[in-house]
Amino acid sequence: MESFRKNLSVFLAFFTPSAGWLFLFFIAPLGIIFVYSFSETISLTEVELTWTFENYGRLLEPEIQTLFWRSIWLASISTAVCLVVGYPVALVIATAPAKWKPWLLLIVILPFWTNLLIRTYALLNILGTRGRVNEGLEWLWTKADGFLTLIGLGAYDLIGEEFEPIVFLGRWSGVIIGLVYVHLPFTILPIYAALERLDRSYLEASLDLGASQWRTFRSVLLPLTMAGVITAAIITFIPMLGSFLTPALLGRGQVDMIANVIERQFKGANDWPFGAAMSLFLLYVTFIILAIQAFAAMRKQKRSERRG
């Protein structure tokens, strides 16, 4: 390909609109937030730039630290669940007959065709105290009650006097279920891509040499697809860490994540400088995670070149 300097006008024709859009809707707003993070609120409607670090100092308060660690914990647990659930699904799709793969992939990406708000409200209907999950459990409890009574056993002593619905909303379990439901496709697709590129002769050689299927998975399949697993973990964890709608609706104000508190700083509390500092801190954490992943990939590439 010729150097872009030889066709500078063509390069600028394609580069200028993209660069302008990126600057106008990403760089400029990010710069405004950066300035706000060093400002002070002097009235209900005015913010003064004083270049203070007080907003960043407030991030060390115990309540804010608890919030950050809770967000990291919820995002980490949800990411782990996505990996455990998503890897087998990706493996099934990758090993399925060619005529079925497009349909299986369509099922995975189908939720993207529905608005996130609608999907979350559907979870409210499913996980509520009178939702579909508890209705199913209550039906099973009624059948068990009738069966135990039929064989002459007291249901009161074995399973309780009446059915008590499981509470998901307003608890961390409901938030994790919601996060996994929303972000699971982001986990499946990168792992599927890694499995599709895999040379399956390695798996056949492992099985031919006497290794069990579990040993083949643990010693051959998983290491060869680890790049896809790491990519899936990163692009799942980062959006989870900044999730707002899912914990807001499913957490019911009892299980807040960092994005929920940031939203309150800009709306209810009217403390834009502190909200900007929290937003940028979340951005810094994201950059650190991406930098670690990039550094690890570079080291792995250098080791491969030395061996080659």
Protein backbone atom coordinates (compact mmCIF):
# COMPACT_ATOMS: atom_id res chain seq x y z
CA MET A 1 0.00 0.00 0.00
CA GLU A 2 1.31 3.43 -0.90
CA SER A 3 2.16 5.91 1.80
CA PHE A 4 -0.70 8.23 2.74
CA ARG A 5 1.60 11.20 1.99
CA LYS A 6 1.40 10.39 -1.72
CA ASN A 7 -2.39 10.70 -1.58
CA LEU A 8 -2.76 13.29 1.16
CA SER A 9 -6.05 14.68 -0.14
CA VAL A 10 -7.68 11.25 -0.18
CA PHE A 11 -6.35 10.53 3.31
CA LEU A 12 -7.69 13.83 4.67
CA ALA A 13 -11.06 13.23 3.02
CA PHE A 14 -11.50 10.04 5.02
CA PHE A 15 -9.64 11.09 8.16
CA THR A 16 -11.15 14.53 8.79
CA PRO A 17 -14.81 13.50 9.32
CA SER A 18 -13.82 10.65 11.64
CA ALA A 19 -11.33 12.75 13.58
CA GLY A 20 -13.81 15.63 13.84
CA TRP A 21 -16.55 13.36 15.12
CA LEU A 22 -14.17 11.77 17.65
CA PHE A 23 -12.97 15.13 18.89
CA LEU A 24 -16.42 16.71 19.06
CA PHE A 25 -18.24 13.89 20.82
CA PHE A 26 -15.44 12.19 22.79
CA ILE A 27 -12.32 14.28 23.36
CA ALA A 28 -14.11 17.59 24.00
CA PRO A 29 -16.68 16.20 26.49
CA LEU A 30 -13.92 14.27 28.24
CA GLY A 31 -11.90 17.48 28.51
CA ILE A 32 -14.88 19.28 30.03
CA ILE A 33 -15.29 16.50 32.62
CA PHE A 34 -11.54 16.72 33.34
CA VAL A 35 -11.83 20.46 34.03
CA TYR A 36 -14.90 19.94 36.22
CA SER A 37 -12.99 17.42 38.35
CA PHE A 38 -10.65 20.25 39.49
CA SER A 39 -13.48 22.69 40.19
CA GLU A 40 -15.67 23.63 43.13
CA THR A 41 -19.40 24.12 43.39
CA ILE A 42 -20.06 27.69 44.56
CA SER A 43 -23.85 27.74 44.08
CA LEU A 44 -26.70 25.59 42.81
CA THR A 45 -25.95 26.54 39.22
CA GLU A 46 -22.31 27.70 39.22
CA VAL A 47 -19.02 25.84 39.23
CA GLU A 48 -15.67 27.61 39.60
CA LEU A 49 -12.39 26.24 38.31
CA THR A 50 -9.91 26.35 41.22
CA TRP A 51 -7.59 23.44 40.27
CA THR A 52 -8.27 21.79 43.61
CA PHE A 53 -7.54 18.14 44.31
CA GLU A 54 -10.21 17.97 46.99
CA ASN A 55 -12.60 16.03 44.74
CA TYR A 56 -9.99 13.32 44.19
CA GLY A 57 -9.19 13.33 47.90
CA ARG A 58 -12.82 12.53 48.64
CA LEU A 59 -12.40 9.30 46.71
CA LEU A 60 -10.41 7.98 49.70
CA GLU A 61 -13.39 8.32 52.04
CA PRO A 62 -14.48 4.94 53.52
CA GLU A 63 -17.97 5.13 51.98
CA ILE A 64 -16.60 5.76 48.49
CA GLN A 65 -13.95 3.05 48.87
CA THR A 66 -16.66 0.61 49.94
CA LEU A 67 -18.66 1.58 46.86
CA PHE A 68 -15.71 1.04 44.52
CA TRP A 69 -14.84 -2.34 46.00
CA ARG A 70 -18.48 -3.42 45.88
CA SER A 71 -18.62 -2.46 42.20
CA ILE A 72 -15.41 -4.37 41.47
CA TRP A 73 -16.66 -7.38 43.44
CA LEU A 74 -20.03 -7.49 41.66
CA ALA A 75 -18.40 -7.02 38.24
CA SER A 76 -15.78 -9.71 39.01
CA ILE A 77 -18.32 -12.29 40.20
CA SER A 78 -20.58 -11.57 37.23
CA THR A 79 -17.66 -11.84 34.81
CA ALA A 80 -16.64 -15.18 36.33
CA VAL A 81 -20.19 -16.48 35.93
CA CYS A 82 -20.25 -15.27 32.32
CA LEU A 83 -16.99 -17.13 31.60
CA VAL A 84 -18.22 -20.35 33.22
CA VAL A 85 -21.51 -20.20 31.31
CA GLY A 86 -20.20 -18.66 28.09
CA TYR A 87 -17.30 -21.01 27.38
CA PRO A 88 -19.43 -24.16 27.02
CA VAL A 89 -21.94 -22.24 24.89
CA ALA A 90 -19.16 -20.98 22.62
CA LEU A 91 -17.72 -24.50 22.42
CA VAL A 92 -21.10 -25.93 21.41
CA ILE A 93 -21.48 -23.30 18.67
CA ALA A 94 -17.91 -23.81 17.41
CA THR A 95 -18.34 -27.59 17.17
CA ALA A 96 -21.87 -27.52 15.75
CA PRO A 97 -22.54 -28.45 12.11
CA ALA A 98 -21.94 -25.62 9.69
CA LYS A 99 -25.64 -25.24 8.85
CA TRP A 100 -26.53 -24.66 12.51
CA LYS A 101 -23.81 -22.15 13.41
CA PRO A 102 -25.54 -19.05 11.94
CA TRP A 103 -28.75 -19.88 13.80
CA LEU A 104 -26.95 -20.48 17.10
CA LEU A 105 -25.05 -17.20 16.71
CA LEU A 106 -28.34 -15.49 15.92
CA ILE A 107 -29.75 -16.72 19.22
CA VAL A 108 -26.73 -15.27 21.04
CA ILE A 109 -26.99 -11.81 19.47
CA LEU A 110 -30.80 -11.73 19.43
CA PRO A 111 -31.04 -9.84 22.77
CA PHE A 112 -29.18 -6.92 21.16
CA TRP A 113 -32.23 -6.38 18.97
CA THR A 114 -34.27 -5.42 22.04
CA ASN A 115 -33.76 -2.26 24.06
CA LEU A 116 -31.83 -2.74 27.31
CA LEU A 117 -34.55 -1.01 29.32
CA ILE A 118 -37.19 -3.43 28.04
CA ARG A 119 -34.99 -6.43 28.79
CA THR A 120 -34.36 -5.18 32.31
CA TYR A 121 -38.06 -4.62 32.94
CA ALA A 122 -38.60 -8.19 31.74
CA LEU A 123 -36.19 -9.32 34.44
CA LEU A 124 -38.27 -7.42 37.00
CA ASN A 125 -41.25 -9.49 35.93
CA ILE A 126 -39.21 -12.70 36.13
CA LEU A 127 -37.34 -12.11 39.40
CA GLY A 128 -40.02 -10.28 41.42
CA THR A 129 -41.55 -11.78 44.56
CA ARG A 130 -44.61 -12.57 42.43
CA GLY A 131 -42.55 -13.13 39.31
CA ARG A 132 -42.24 -16.15 37.09
CA VAL A 133 -39.39 -17.74 39.05
CA ASN A 134 -41.25 -17.63 42.36
CA GLU A 135 -44.46 -18.75 40.69
CA GLY A 136 -42.65 -21.82 39.38
CA LEU A 137 -41.09 -22.53 42.76
CA GLU A 138 -44.46 -22.11 44.47
CA TRP A 139 -45.99 -24.57 42.01
CA LEU A 140 -43.24 -27.08 42.79
CA TRP A 141 -43.77 -26.52 46.51
CA THR A 142 -47.52 -27.16 46.12
CA LYS A 143 -46.85 -30.39 44.25
CA ALA A 144 -44.36 -31.48 46.90
CA ASP A 145 -46.88 -30.64 49.63
CA GLY A 146 -49.53 -32.75 47.93
CA PHE A 147 -47.11 -35.64 47.39
CA LEU A 148 -45.95 -35.67 51.01
CA THR A 149 -49.52 -35.52 52.24
CA LEU A 150 -50.43 -38.40 49.92
CA ILE A 151 -47.76 -40.68 51.38
CA GLY A 152 -48.65 -39.70 54.94
CA LEU A 153 -45.81 -37.32 55.77
CA GLY A 154 -46.32 -33.88 57.31
CA ALA A 155 -45.39 -31.16 54.88
CA TYR A 156 -45.38 -28.65 57.75
CA ASP A 157 -42.38 -30.35 59.36
CA LEU A 158 -40.47 -30.96 56.14
CA ILE A 159 -40.88 -27.90 53.93
CA GLY A 160 -42.66 -25.32 56.07
CA GLU A 161 -46.25 -24.20 56.52
CA GLU A 162 -46.44 -22.01 53.42
CA PHE A 163 -44.25 -21.01 50.51
CA GLU A 164 -41.87 -18.11 51.10
CA PRO A 165 -40.84 -16.39 47.85
CA ILE A 166 -37.16 -15.85 47.20
CA VAL A 167 -36.21 -12.18 47.16
CA PHE A 168 -33.93 -11.25 44.26
CA LEU A 169 -34.69 -7.57 43.79
CA GLY A 170 -32.81 -5.23 46.08
CA ARG A 171 -30.10 -7.84 46.70
CA TRP A 172 -26.74 -8.59 45.15
CA SER A 173 -28.01 -11.88 43.68
CA GLY A 174 -30.55 -10.06 41.52
CA VAL A 175 -27.95 -7.54 40.33
CA ILE A 176 -25.53 -10.33 39.39
CA ILE A 177 -28.24 -12.19 37.48
CA GLY A 178 -29.05 -8.99 35.60
CA LEU A 179 -25.41 -8.23 34.79
CA VAL A 180 -24.82 -11.76 33.53
CA TYR A 181 -27.97 -11.67 31.42
CA VAL A 182 -27.04 -8.36 29.79
CA HIS A 183 -23.33 -9.01 29.17
CA LEU A 184 -23.21 -12.76 28.42
CA PRO A 185 -23.09 -12.27 24.60
CA PHE A 186 -19.95 -10.13 25.04
CA THR A 187 -18.33 -13.18 26.63
CA ILE A 188 -19.51 -15.81 24.18
CA LEU A 189 -18.50 -14.12 20.93
CA PRO A 190 -14.74 -13.59 21.60
CA ILE A 191 -14.39 -17.12 22.96
CA TYR A 192 -16.23 -18.47 19.92
CA ALA A 193 -13.86 -16.56 17.63
CA ALA A 194 -10.85 -18.08 19.43
CA LEU A 195 -12.33 -21.58 19.16
CA GLU A 196 -13.03 -21.12 15.47
CA ARG A 197 -9.36 -20.26 14.79
CA LEU A 198 -8.13 -23.27 16.78
CA ASP A 199 -6.30 -26.05 14.96
CA ARG A 200 -8.28 -29.09 16.11
CA SER A 201 -5.46 -31.47 15.25
CA TYR A 202 -3.98 -30.60 18.66
CA LEU A 203 -7.10 -31.91 20.35
CA GLU A 204 -7.08 -35.07 18.26
CA ALA A 205 -3.40 -35.65 19.07
CA SER A 206 -4.08 -35.26 22.79
CA LEU A 207 -6.95 -37.74 22.73
CA ASP A 208 -4.96 -40.19 20.58
CA LEU A 209 -2.11 -40.09 23.11
CA GLY A 210 -4.45 -41.26 25.86
CA ALA A 211 -5.43 -38.02 27.56
CA SER A 212 -8.98 -37.82 28.91
CA GLN A 213 -11.40 -35.21 27.65
CA TRP A 214 -11.02 -33.20 30.86
CA ARG A 215 -7.21 -33.36 30.60
CA THR A 216 -7.39 -32.29 26.97
CA PHE A 217 -9.61 -29.37 27.88
CA ARG A 218 -7.42 -28.29 30.80
CA SER A 219 -4.00 -28.79 29.18
CA VAL A 220 -4.65 -28.15 25.48
CA LEU A 221 -7.95 -26.46 24.66
CA LEU A 222 -8.03 -23.86 27.42
CA PRO A 223 -4.40 -22.68 27.04
CA LEU A 224 -4.75 -22.39 23.25
CA THR A 225 -7.90 -20.27 23.60
CA MET A 226 -6.72 -18.26 26.62
CA ALA A 227 -6.28 -15.13 24.50
CA GLY A 228 -9.97 -15.23 23.64
CA VAL A 229 -10.90 -15.87 27.28
CA ILE A 230 -8.85 -12.89 28.46
CA THR A 231 -10.38 -10.67 25.78
CA ALA A 232 -13.86 -11.84 26.74
CA ALA A 233 -13.16 -11.17 30.42
CA ILE A 234 -11.94 -7.63 29.73
CA ILE A 235 -14.74 -6.55 27.39
CA THR A 236 -17.25 -8.06 29.84
CA PHE A 237 -15.77 -6.71 33.07
CA ILE A 238 -15.29 -3.10 31.92
CA PRO A 239 -18.93 -2.45 30.86
CA MET A 240 -20.11 -4.24 34.00
CA LEU A 241 -18.01 -1.98 36.18
CA GLY A 242 -19.75 1.06 34.73
CA SER A 243 -23.25 -0.43 34.60
CA PHE A 244 -26.01 1.94 35.64
CA LEU A 245 -29.44 0.74 34.55
CA THR A 246 -29.20 -2.86 35.76
CA PRO A 247 -28.22 -2.11 39.39
CA ALA A 248 -30.58 0.88 39.46
CA LEU A 249 -33.64 -1.23 38.60
CA LEU A 250 -32.71 -4.59 40.08
CA GLY A 251 -30.80 -3.22 43.07
CA ARG A 252 -33.74 -1.01 44.12
CA GLY A 253 -31.36 1.49 45.72
CA GLN A 254 -30.02 -1.18 48.09
CA VAL A 255 -27.16 -2.46 45.90
CA ASP A 256 -25.61 0.58 44.28
CA MET A 257 -22.64 0.53 41.95
CA ILE A 258 -20.33 3.41 41.14
CA ALA A 259 -22.34 4.58 38.11
CA ASN A 260 -25.47 4.98 40.24
CA VAL A 261 -23.67 7.29 42.67
CA ILE A 262 -22.10 9.25 39.81
CA GLU A 263 -25.57 9.82 38.38
CA ARG A 264 -26.78 11.15 41.73
CA GLN A 265 -23.87 13.60 41.92
CA PHE A 266 -24.90 15.14 38.61
CA LYS A 267 -28.64 15.16 39.36
CA GLY A 268 -29.80 14.93 42.95
CA ALA A 269 -26.70 16.13 44.83
CA ASN A 270 -25.78 18.76 42.20
CA ASP A 271 -22.08 18.11 42.89
CA TRP A 272 -20.71 18.01 39.37
CA PRO A 273 -17.01 18.31 40.32
CA PHE A 274 -17.12 15.24 42.57
CA GLY A 275 -19.15 13.32 40.00
CA ALA A 276 -16.56 14.23 37.36
CA ALA A 277 -13.73 13.02 39.60
CA MET A 278 -15.51 9.70 40.17
CA SER A 279 -16.12 9.32 36.44
CA LEU A 280 -12.48 9.96 35.61
CA PHE A 281 -11.32 7.58 38.33
CA LEU A 282 -13.44 4.88 36.70
CA LEU A 283 -11.84 5.79 33.39
CA TYR A 284 -8.36 5.53 34.92
CA VAL A 285 -9.18 2.05 36.24
CA THR A 286 -10.30 1.04 32.74
CA PHE A 287 -7.11 2.35 31.17
CA ILE A 288 -5.00 0.49 33.74
CA ILE A 289 -6.77 -2.79 32.96
CA LEU A 290 -6.28 -2.29 29.22
CA ALA A 291 -2.64 -1.30 29.72
CA ILE A 292 -1.95 -4.43 31.75
CA GLN A 293 -3.57 -6.58 29.08
CA ALA A 294 -1.59 -4.84 26.31
CA PHE A 295 1.67 -5.17 28.25
CA ALA A 296 1.04 -8.87 28.85
CA ALA A 297 0.27 -9.40 25.15
CA MET A 298 3.50 -7.64 24.16
CA ARG A 299 5.56 -9.78 26.53
CA LYS A 300 3.92 -12.93 25.19
CA GLN A 301 4.66 -11.86 21.61
CA LYS A 302 8.31 -11.13 22.45
CA ARG A 303 8.70 -14.56 24.09
CA SER A 304 7.19 -16.19 21.00
CA GLU A 305 9.61 -14.31 18.73
CA ARG A 306 12.59 -15.39 20.87
CA ARG A 307 11.53 -19.01 20.71
CA GLY A 308 10.98 -18.73 16.96
